[in-house]
Amino acid sequence: MIKPSLVILLSMLILPKCAGTRPADLGVTHGTLGPCPSSPNCVSSQASDKAHYVAPLYYRGALTEAKKQITLVIKSMSRAKIVTDKGNYIHAEFSSALFGFVDDVEFYFDDTQKTIQIKSASRLGYSDFGVNRRRVEKIRATFMKYAISKNRDPSGNQQTQ
């Protein structure tokens, strides 16, 4: 009988890293991030259906400050790297610990609405077991903590002490 630990070790040696190919449809077109596929391995603040929808993030003040905060949030998370940081857009890749599955997370900063649209999608597979939704909520919570630590409430207003 094969021990489970041996199966895992062999899988890690036999299976290549599961990064997949970076999607060609990343980015913003006319103020919109690309749509989620029908599979449940993607969430987006611009999705029209409940299964894929997550709320956007909001900020006050300068777009540059909001981007700086999001950048700090991404850099504080494990196995994350920023691939693109250009204008009002950030694309980051998050890799899973065991097999290196890669998820693409995009941020579109709409400075007229003071809104950060966000999309988190798995490159491979059908279900992500809620990983993308939990990631977005962790990003949201950390973004809000950063705002509070800068003596601002989550909407960006100065707090009095």
C-alpha atoms as a PDB file:
ATOM      1  CA  MET A   1       0.000   0.000   0.000  1.00  0.00           C
ATOM      2  CA  ILE A   2       1.325   3.449  -0.957  1.00  0.00           C
ATOM      3  CA  LYS A   3       1.546   5.996   1.835  1.00  0.00           C
ATOM      4  CA  PRO A   4      -0.278   9.321   1.259  1.00  0.00           C
ATOM      5  CA  SER A   5       2.928  11.290   1.814  1.00  0.00           C
ATOM      6  CA  LEU A   6       4.630   9.303  -0.957  1.00  0.00           C
ATOM      7  CA  VAL A   7       1.742  10.061  -3.322  1.00  0.00           C
ATOM      8  CA  ILE A   8       2.062  13.764  -2.601  1.00  0.00           C
ATOM      9  CA  LEU A   9       5.830  13.683  -3.109  1.00  0.00           C
ATOM     10  CA  LEU A  10       5.502  11.808  -6.399  1.00  0.00           C
ATOM     11  CA  SER A  11       2.782  14.186  -7.565  1.00  0.00           C
ATOM     12  CA  MET A  12       5.023  17.147  -6.848  1.00  0.00           C
ATOM     13  CA  LEU A  13       7.845  15.595  -8.854  1.00  0.00           C
ATOM     14  CA  ILE A  14       5.738  14.363 -11.749  1.00  0.00           C
ATOM     15  CA  LEU A  15       3.311  17.253 -12.133  1.00  0.00           C
ATOM     16  CA  PRO A  16       4.798  20.445 -13.496  1.00  0.00           C
ATOM     17  CA  LYS A  17       3.930  23.686 -11.798  1.00  0.00           C
ATOM     18  CA  CYS A  18       0.331  24.471 -12.711  1.00  0.00           C
ATOM     19  CA  ALA A  19       0.800  28.094 -13.654  1.00  0.00           C
ATOM     20  CA  GLY A  20      -1.143  27.888 -16.900  1.00  0.00           C
ATOM     21  CA  THR A  21      -0.859  30.557 -19.547  1.00  0.00           C
ATOM     22  CA  ARG A  22      -1.473  34.209 -18.720  1.00  0.00           C
ATOM     23  CA  PRO A  23      -4.857  35.126 -20.244  1.00  0.00           C
ATOM     24  CA  ALA A  24      -4.788  37.425 -23.255  1.00  0.00           C
ATOM     25  CA  ASP A  25      -7.911  39.330 -22.158  1.00  0.00           C
ATOM     26  CA  LEU A  26      -6.451  40.942 -19.031  1.00  0.00           C
ATOM     27  CA  GLY A  27      -6.765  44.687 -18.627  1.00  0.00           C
ATOM     28  CA  VAL A  28      -9.423  47.362 -18.854  1.00  0.00           C
ATOM     29  CA  THR A  29     -11.573  48.050 -21.911  1.00  0.00           C
ATOM     30  CA  HIS A  30     -13.882  51.068 -21.767  1.00  0.00           C
ATOM     31  CA  GLY A  31     -13.797  51.094 -17.958  1.00  0.00           C
ATOM     32  CA  THR A  32     -14.502  47.382 -17.630  1.00  0.00           C
ATOM     33  CA  LEU A  33     -12.413  44.420 -16.560  1.00  0.00           C
ATOM     34  CA  GLY A  34     -12.954  41.237 -18.566  1.00  0.00           C
ATOM     35  CA  PRO A  35     -15.980  39.119 -17.660  1.00  0.00           C
ATOM     36  CA  CYS A  36     -15.829  36.014 -15.501  1.00  0.00           C
ATOM     37  CA  PRO A  37     -16.336  32.682 -17.248  1.00  0.00           C
ATOM     38  CA  SER A  38     -19.425  30.652 -16.374  1.00  0.00           C
ATOM     39  CA  SER A  39     -17.341  28.439 -14.058  1.00  0.00           C
ATOM     40  CA  PRO A  40     -17.333  29.220 -10.317  1.00  0.00           C
ATOM     41  CA  ASN A  41     -13.583  29.994 -10.158  1.00  0.00           C
ATOM     42  CA  CYS A  42     -13.832  33.769 -10.604  1.00  0.00           C
ATOM     43  CA  VAL A  43     -15.263  36.761  -8.778  1.00  0.00           C
ATOM     44  CA  SER A  44     -15.617  40.319 -10.009  1.00  0.00           C
ATOM     45  CA  SER A  45     -17.040  43.583  -8.738  1.00  0.00           C
ATOM     46  CA  GLN A  46     -18.378  44.165 -12.247  1.00  0.00           C
ATOM     47  CA  ALA A  47     -20.192  40.811 -12.525  1.00  0.00           C
ATOM     48  CA  SER A  48     -23.936  41.023 -13.005  1.00  0.00           C
ATOM     49  CA  ASP A  49     -24.754  37.644 -11.419  1.00  0.00           C
ATOM     50  CA  LYS A  50     -24.738  36.931  -7.690  1.00  0.00           C
ATOM     51  CA  ALA A  51     -22.500  33.854  -7.962  1.00  0.00           C
ATOM     52  CA  HIS A  52     -19.574  35.884  -9.335  1.00  0.00           C
ATOM     53  CA  TYR A  53     -20.230  39.291  -7.750  1.00  0.00           C
ATOM     54  CA  VAL A  54     -18.117  40.872  -5.018  1.00  0.00           C
ATOM     55  CA  ALA A  55     -18.387  44.480  -3.916  1.00  0.00           C
ATOM     56  CA  PRO A  56     -15.770  46.937  -5.180  1.00  0.00           C
ATOM     57  CA  LEU A  57     -13.440  48.804  -2.838  1.00  0.00           C
ATOM     58  CA  TYR A  58     -13.880  52.526  -2.232  1.00  0.00           C
ATOM     59  CA  TYR A  59     -11.401  55.253  -1.444  1.00  0.00           C
ATOM     60  CA  ARG A  60     -11.172  58.987  -0.925  1.00  0.00           C
ATOM     61  CA  GLY A  61      -8.298  61.214  -1.768  1.00  0.00           C
ATOM     62  CA  ALA A  62      -5.731  60.715  -4.475  1.00  0.00           C
ATOM     63  CA  LEU A  63      -5.645  57.738  -6.809  1.00  0.00           C
ATOM     64  CA  THR A  64      -1.894  57.507  -6.175  1.00  0.00           C
ATOM     65  CA  GLU A  65      -2.530  56.957  -2.458  1.00  0.00           C
ATOM     66  CA  ALA A  66      -5.144  54.254  -3.155  1.00  0.00           C
ATOM     67  CA  LYS A  67      -2.723  52.505  -5.524  1.00  0.00           C
ATOM     68  CA  LYS A  68       0.013  52.710  -2.907  1.00  0.00           C
ATOM     69  CA  GLN A  69      -2.317  51.105  -0.347  1.00  0.00           C
ATOM     70  CA  ILE A  70      -3.304  48.276  -2.709  1.00  0.00           C
ATOM     71  CA  THR A  71       0.348  47.715  -3.585  1.00  0.00           C
ATOM     72  CA  LEU A  72       1.190  47.382   0.126  1.00  0.00           C
ATOM     73  CA  VAL A  73      -1.709  44.949   0.567  1.00  0.00           C
ATOM     74  CA  ILE A  74      -0.519  42.768  -2.326  1.00  0.00           C
ATOM     75  CA  LYS A  75       3.073  42.783  -1.093  1.00  0.00           C
ATOM     76  CA  SER A  76       1.903  41.727   2.383  1.00  0.00           C
ATOM     77  CA  MET A  77       0.276  38.565   1.013  1.00  0.00           C
ATOM     78  CA  SER A  78       2.024  35.230   0.467  1.00  0.00           C
ATOM     79  CA  ARG A  79       3.066  34.091  -3.004  1.00  0.00           C
ATOM     80  CA  ALA A  80       1.886  37.301  -4.671  1.00  0.00           C
ATOM     81  CA  LYS A  81       3.663  39.389  -7.254  1.00  0.00           C
ATOM     82  CA  ILE A  82       2.691  42.498  -9.156  1.00  0.00           C
ATOM     83  CA  VAL A  83       3.018  41.934 -12.896  1.00  0.00           C
ATOM     84  CA  THR A  84       1.618  45.227 -14.213  1.00  0.00           C
ATOM     85  CA  ASP A  85       1.268  48.603 -12.516  1.00  0.00           C
ATOM     86  CA  LYS A  86       0.309  51.167 -15.108  1.00  0.00           C
ATOM     87  CA  GLY A  87      -1.879  54.239 -14.786  1.00  0.00           C
ATOM     88  CA  ASN A  88      -5.168  53.244 -13.177  1.00  0.00           C
ATOM     89  CA  TYR A  89      -4.576  49.478 -13.409  1.00  0.00           C
ATOM     90  CA  ILE A  90      -2.723  46.810 -11.421  1.00  0.00           C
ATOM     91  CA  HIS A  91      -2.443  43.120 -12.317  1.00  0.00           C
ATOM     92  CA  ALA A  92      -1.068  40.687  -9.735  1.00  0.00           C
ATOM     93  CA  GLU A  93      -0.508  36.951  -9.769  1.00  0.00           C
ATOM     94  CA  PHE A  94      -1.125  34.766  -6.710  1.00  0.00           C
ATOM     95  CA  SER A  95       0.252  31.203  -6.631  1.00  0.00           C
ATOM     96  CA  SER A  96      -1.011  28.331  -4.510  1.00  0.00           C
ATOM     97  CA  ALA A  97       1.474  26.774  -2.088  1.00  0.00           C
ATOM     98  CA  LEU A  98       1.305  23.146  -3.137  1.00  0.00           C
ATOM     99  CA  PHE A  99       1.066  22.938  -6.905  1.00  0.00           C
ATOM    100  CA  GLY A 100       1.662  26.548  -7.920  1.00  0.00           C
ATOM    101  CA  PHE A 101      -1.785  27.161  -9.434  1.00  0.00           C
ATOM    102  CA  VAL A 102      -1.887  30.798 -10.528  1.00  0.00           C
ATOM    103  CA  ASP A 103      -4.797  33.190 -10.089  1.00  0.00           C
ATOM    104  CA  ASP A 104      -4.903  36.572 -11.813  1.00  0.00           C
ATOM    105  CA  VAL A 105      -6.123  39.484  -9.700  1.00  0.00           C
ATOM    106  CA  GLU A 106      -6.874  42.779 -11.408  1.00  0.00           C
ATOM    107  CA  PHE A 107      -7.582  46.204  -9.959  1.00  0.00           C
ATOM    108  CA  TYR A 108      -9.096  49.066 -11.966  1.00  0.00           C
ATOM    109  CA  PHE A 109      -9.080  52.440 -10.221  1.00  0.00           C
ATOM    110  CA  ASP A 110     -12.013  54.583 -11.344  1.00  0.00           C
ATOM    111  CA  ASP A 111     -10.934  57.933  -9.949  1.00  0.00           C
ATOM    112  CA  THR A 112     -14.144  59.738 -10.952  1.00  0.00           C
ATOM    113  CA  GLN A 113     -16.174  57.318  -8.772  1.00  0.00           C
ATOM    114  CA  LYS A 114     -13.377  56.739  -6.202  1.00  0.00           C
ATOM    115  CA  THR A 115     -13.923  53.031  -6.753  1.00  0.00           C
ATOM    116  CA  ILE A 116     -11.519  50.136  -7.165  1.00  0.00           C
ATOM    117  CA  GLN A 117     -13.064  47.476  -9.375  1.00  0.00           C
ATOM    118  CA  ILE A 118     -11.543  44.072  -8.656  1.00  0.00           C
ATOM    119  CA  LYS A 119     -11.489  40.711 -10.393  1.00  0.00           C
ATOM    120  CA  SER A 120      -9.852  37.511  -9.147  1.00  0.00           C
ATOM    121  CA  ALA A 121      -9.852  34.495 -11.468  1.00  0.00           C
ATOM    122  CA  SER A 122      -8.205  31.077 -11.579  1.00  0.00           C
ATOM    123  CA  ARG A 123      -6.314  30.244 -14.758  1.00  0.00           C
ATOM    124  CA  LEU A 124      -6.962  26.512 -14.562  1.00  0.00           C
ATOM    125  CA  GLY A 125      -9.697  24.222 -13.325  1.00  0.00           C
ATOM    126  CA  TYR A 126     -13.404  24.590 -12.819  1.00  0.00           C
ATOM    127  CA  SER A 127     -13.939  25.233  -9.120  1.00  0.00           C
ATOM    128  CA  ASP A 128     -11.608  27.145  -6.821  1.00  0.00           C
ATOM    129  CA  PHE A 129     -13.443  26.094  -3.616  1.00  0.00           C
ATOM    130  CA  GLY A 130     -14.022  29.769  -2.785  1.00  0.00           C
ATOM    131  CA  VAL A 131     -10.348  30.773  -2.848  1.00  0.00           C
ATOM    132  CA  ASN A 132     -10.843  33.832  -5.080  1.00  0.00           C
ATOM    133  CA  ARG A 133     -13.742  35.187  -3.012  1.00  0.00           C
ATOM    134  CA  ARG A 134     -11.815  34.706   0.247  1.00  0.00           C
ATOM    135  CA  ARG A 135      -8.774  36.419  -1.303  1.00  0.00           C
ATOM    136  CA  VAL A 136     -10.812  39.456  -2.329  1.00  0.00           C
ATOM    137  CA  GLU A 137     -12.325  39.698   1.149  1.00  0.00           C
ATOM    138  CA  LYS A 138      -8.842  39.456   2.698  1.00  0.00           C
ATOM    139  CA  ILE A 139      -7.665  42.223   0.360  1.00  0.00           C
ATOM    140  CA  ARG A 140     -10.690  44.317   1.384  1.00  0.00           C
ATOM    141  CA  ALA A 141     -10.076  43.797   5.109  1.00  0.00           C
ATOM    142  CA  THR A 142      -6.368  44.582   4.828  1.00  0.00           C
ATOM    143  CA  PHE A 143      -7.067  47.650   2.671  1.00  0.00           C
ATOM    144  CA  MET A 144      -9.499  48.921   5.312  1.00  0.00           C
ATOM    145  CA  LYS A 145      -7.023  48.229   8.149  1.00  0.00           C
ATOM    146  CA  TYR A 146      -4.378  50.187   6.268  1.00  0.00           C
ATOM    147  CA  ALA A 147      -6.782  53.114   5.882  1.00  0.00           C
ATOM    148  CA  ILE A 148      -7.628  53.013   9.596  1.00  0.00           C
ATOM    149  CA  SER A 149      -3.952  52.798  10.567  1.00  0.00           C
ATOM    150  CA  LYS A 150      -3.410  56.030   8.632  1.00  0.00           C
ATOM    151  CA  ASN A 151      -6.027  57.709  10.899  1.00  0.00           C
ATOM    152  CA  ARG A 152      -8.729  57.428   8.305  1.00  0.00           C
ATOM    153  CA  ASP A 153     -11.975  55.557   8.428  1.00  0.00           C
ATOM    154  CA  PRO A 154     -12.527  53.102   5.521  1.00  0.00           C
ATOM    155  CA  SER A 155     -14.208  55.825   3.466  1.00  0.00           C
ATOM    156  CA  GLY A 156     -11.059  57.935   3.762  1.00  0.00           C
ATOM    157  CA  ASN A 157     -12.263  60.570   6.264  1.00  0.00           C
ATOM    158  CA  GLN A 158      -9.804  61.776   8.881  1.00  0.00           C
ATOM    159  CA  GLN A 159     -10.523  60.413  12.359  1.00  0.00           C
ATOM    160  CA  THR A 160     -10.316  62.559  15.437  1.00  0.00           C
ATOM    161  CA  GLN A 161      -8.466  61.299  18.458  1.00  0.00           C
END
